[in-house]
Amino acid sequence: MISTTVLIVTSLACLLIGIAIGLLIMRTIQNTGQPKDLEAKHNTLQNEYNQYQQNVAQHFVDTSRLIVESQQRQQQLRDHLVSGALHLTSPDISRAILAQSDDEPTPPPQALENIDPATIKPPQDWAPKTPGQQGVLSEDFGLAEEPEDTSSIEVKTAGNDPHDDIKSS
């Protein structure tokens, strides 16, 4: 018959072999799951990075487009102001504006021809006033000299103040 020691040793050996096989199977299962998780994380991060790069590139494209549109609007505004100045000012001022302009707009052909220097007048004072009164555009407006009433001014000198009667002890 089989001795009990052989039976115990065989049982322990089988137990150890079973534990070793179980550990190997467990590691194999865990290792196959871990690369899949890492690969999924890597793909997710790669997709986020690609999306970020696309957002940055789109941002700069939009910024460039907006700058170009802004420059075009600014040029239109400059042309409008110069055109208005050509229509509303004297020929001398119009020539000076054209000389200072970086981008010379095309003035209408009749812009300088229709202006008669004899019809140009300085600004007039349209503020309501009584006859003989100076207007608001006058250099002396509001500077009228009025004599001051000096009778109510008190001159205080040392010793006149009734509160100065403090007696020293």
Protein backbone atom coordinates (compact mmCIF):
# COMPACT_ATOMS: atom_id res chain seq x y z
CA MET A 1 0.00 0.00 0.00
CA ILE A 2 0.87 3.51 -0.39
CA SER A 3 2.40 5.11 2.58
CA THR A 4 0.91 8.22 4.00
CA THR A 5 4.05 10.25 3.48
CA VAL A 6 4.09 9.49 -0.21
CA LEU A 7 0.44 10.41 -0.37
CA ILE A 8 1.04 13.72 1.44
CA VAL A 9 4.08 14.58 -0.70
CA THR A 10 2.19 13.78 -3.89
CA SER A 11 -0.78 15.83 -2.74
CA LEU A 12 1.47 18.81 -1.94
CA ALA A 13 3.26 18.52 -5.26
CA CYS A 14 -0.06 18.46 -7.12
CA LEU A 15 -1.24 21.44 -5.08
CA LEU A 16 1.89 23.44 -5.93
CA ILE A 17 1.64 22.51 -9.61
CA GLY A 18 -2.04 23.57 -9.61
CA ILE A 19 -1.20 26.92 -7.97
CA ALA A 20 1.57 27.54 -10.52
CA ILE A 21 -0.73 26.72 -13.44
CA GLY A 22 -3.45 28.99 -11.95
CA LEU A 23 -1.01 31.86 -11.60
CA LEU A 24 0.20 31.45 -15.19
CA ILE A 25 -3.36 31.46 -16.51
CA MET A 26 -4.21 34.52 -14.41
CA ARG A 27 -1.16 36.45 -15.68
CA THR A 28 -1.94 35.51 -19.25
CA ILE A 29 -5.49 36.78 -18.91
CA GLN A 30 -4.36 40.04 -17.24
CA ASN A 31 -1.59 40.66 -19.76
CA THR A 32 -3.91 40.25 -22.71
CA GLY A 33 -6.37 42.77 -21.19
CA GLN A 34 -3.73 45.37 -20.30
CA PRO A 35 -2.38 45.97 -23.82
CA LYS A 36 -5.92 46.43 -25.06
CA ASP A 37 -6.52 49.08 -22.38
CA LEU A 38 -3.22 50.77 -23.17
CA GLU A 39 -3.93 50.66 -26.86
CA ALA A 40 -7.40 52.14 -26.31
CA LYS A 41 -5.92 54.93 -24.13
CA HIS A 42 -3.26 55.60 -26.74
CA ASN A 43 -5.86 55.81 -29.51
CA THR A 44 -8.03 58.12 -27.40
CA LEU A 45 -5.10 60.42 -26.63
CA GLN A 46 -4.00 60.37 -30.27
CA ASN A 47 -7.51 61.34 -31.40
CA GLU A 48 -7.66 64.15 -28.81
CA TYR A 49 -4.25 65.43 -29.95
CA ASN A 50 -5.27 65.34 -33.62
CA GLN A 51 -8.50 67.18 -32.77
CA TYR A 52 -6.49 69.80 -30.84
CA GLN A 53 -4.15 70.30 -33.79
CA GLN A 54 -7.12 70.72 -36.12
CA ASN A 55 -8.68 73.27 -33.72
CA VAL A 56 -5.43 75.26 -33.56
CA ALA A 57 -5.06 75.22 -37.35
CA GLN A 58 -8.72 76.27 -37.80
CA HIS A 59 -8.25 79.05 -35.24
CA PHE A 60 -5.35 80.51 -37.22
CA VAL A 61 -7.22 80.19 -40.50
CA ASP A 62 -10.22 82.03 -38.99
CA THR A 63 -7.95 84.67 -37.44
CA SER A 64 -6.23 85.25 -40.77
CA ARG A 65 -9.56 85.57 -42.55
CA LEU A 66 -10.86 88.03 -39.96
CA ILE A 67 -7.70 90.14 -40.20
CA VAL A 68 -8.01 90.32 -43.98
CA GLU A 69 -11.70 91.31 -43.68
CA SER A 70 -10.81 93.92 -41.06
CA GLN A 71 -8.11 95.38 -43.29
CA GLN A 72 -10.55 95.53 -46.20
CA ARG A 73 -13.16 97.30 -44.03
CA GLN A 74 -10.50 99.68 -42.77
CA GLN A 75 -9.46 100.47 -46.35
CA GLN A 76 -13.11 101.06 -47.31
CA LEU A 77 -13.51 103.40 -44.35
CA ARG A 78 -10.32 105.27 -45.25
CA ASP A 79 -11.48 105.61 -48.87
CA HIS A 80 -14.89 106.85 -47.70
CA LEU A 81 -13.30 109.45 -45.41
CA VAL A 82 -10.92 110.67 -48.11
CA SER A 83 -13.73 110.82 -50.66
CA GLY A 84 -15.89 112.81 -48.22
CA ALA A 85 -12.99 115.12 -47.43
CA LEU A 86 -12.42 115.70 -51.14
CA HIS A 87 -16.06 116.69 -51.60
CA LEU A 88 -16.32 118.81 -48.48
CA THR A 89 -13.01 120.70 -48.37
CA SER A 90 -11.18 123.25 -50.47
CA PRO A 91 -8.99 122.18 -53.40
CA ASP A 92 -5.80 122.96 -51.44
CA ILE A 93 -6.83 120.74 -48.56
CA SER A 94 -7.97 118.06 -51.01
CA ARG A 95 -4.54 118.03 -52.66
CA ALA A 96 -2.88 117.81 -49.24
CA ILE A 97 -5.11 114.87 -48.32
CA LEU A 98 -4.26 113.12 -51.55
CA ALA A 99 -0.55 113.78 -51.00
CA GLN A 100 -0.66 112.26 -47.49
CA SER A 101 -2.74 109.26 -48.50
CA ASP A 102 -0.86 105.96 -48.71
CA ASP A 103 -3.36 104.42 -51.08
CA GLU A 104 -4.66 107.16 -53.29
CA PRO A 105 -8.36 106.56 -53.83
CA THR A 106 -9.76 107.51 -57.15
CA PRO A 107 -11.49 110.84 -56.57
CA PRO A 108 -14.56 111.50 -58.61
CA PRO A 109 -13.59 113.58 -61.66
CA GLN A 110 -15.86 116.45 -60.70
CA ALA A 111 -14.68 116.54 -57.06
CA LEU A 112 -12.11 119.27 -57.56
CA GLU A 113 -13.81 121.03 -60.44
CA ASN A 114 -17.13 121.85 -58.74
CA ILE A 115 -15.56 123.64 -55.77
CA ASP A 116 -15.35 127.39 -56.14
CA PRO A 117 -12.86 128.92 -53.65
CA ALA A 118 -14.92 132.14 -53.56
CA THR A 119 -17.88 130.28 -52.06
CA ILE A 120 -15.89 128.83 -49.16
CA LYS A 121 -16.77 130.69 -45.95
CA PRO A 122 -15.42 130.36 -42.43
CA PRO A 123 -17.73 128.88 -39.81
CA GLN A 124 -20.42 131.24 -38.56
CA ASP A 125 -21.73 131.68 -35.05
CA TRP A 126 -25.33 130.52 -35.14
CA ALA A 127 -25.86 130.67 -31.38
CA PRO A 128 -28.78 132.94 -30.40
CA LYS A 129 -27.67 136.32 -29.13
CA THR A 130 -28.95 139.85 -28.78
CA PRO A 131 -27.69 142.54 -31.17
CA GLY A 132 -24.31 143.88 -30.11
CA GLN A 133 -23.52 140.81 -27.98
CA GLN A 134 -20.48 138.72 -28.79
CA GLY A 135 -21.04 135.26 -30.18
CA VAL A 136 -19.77 131.97 -28.79
CA LEU A 137 -17.03 131.78 -31.44
CA SER A 138 -15.66 135.18 -30.43
CA GLU A 139 -12.24 135.13 -28.77
CA ASP A 140 -13.53 137.34 -25.94
CA PHE A 141 -16.68 135.29 -25.25
CA GLY A 142 -17.24 134.77 -21.52
CA LEU A 143 -14.26 136.90 -20.48
CA ALA A 144 -16.20 139.98 -19.38
CA GLU A 145 -14.46 141.88 -16.60
CA GLU A 146 -16.77 142.76 -13.76
CA PRO A 147 -15.63 144.84 -10.83
CA GLU A 148 -15.60 142.86 -7.63
CA ASP A 149 -17.35 144.06 -4.52
CA THR A 150 -14.56 144.29 -1.93
CA SER A 151 -16.65 145.78 0.87
CA SER A 152 -17.57 142.40 2.34
CA ILE A 153 -14.00 141.11 2.54
CA GLU A 154 -12.65 141.05 6.08
CA VAL A 155 -8.99 141.48 6.69
CA LYS A 156 -7.82 139.55 9.72
CA THR A 157 -4.62 140.36 11.45
CA ALA A 158 -2.96 138.75 14.41
CA GLY A 159 -4.66 139.71 17.66
CA ASN A 160 -8.06 140.61 16.16
CA ASP A 161 -9.60 137.20 16.54
CA PRO A 162 -11.80 136.90 19.67
CA HIS A 163 -10.82 133.26 19.90
CA ASP A 164 -7.18 134.26 20.36
CA ASP A 165 -7.89 135.41 23.93
CA ILE A 166 -6.39 132.30 25.43
CA LYS A 167 -4.65 133.19 28.66
CA SER A 168 -1.48 131.43 29.45
CA SER A 169 -0.93 130.32 33.00
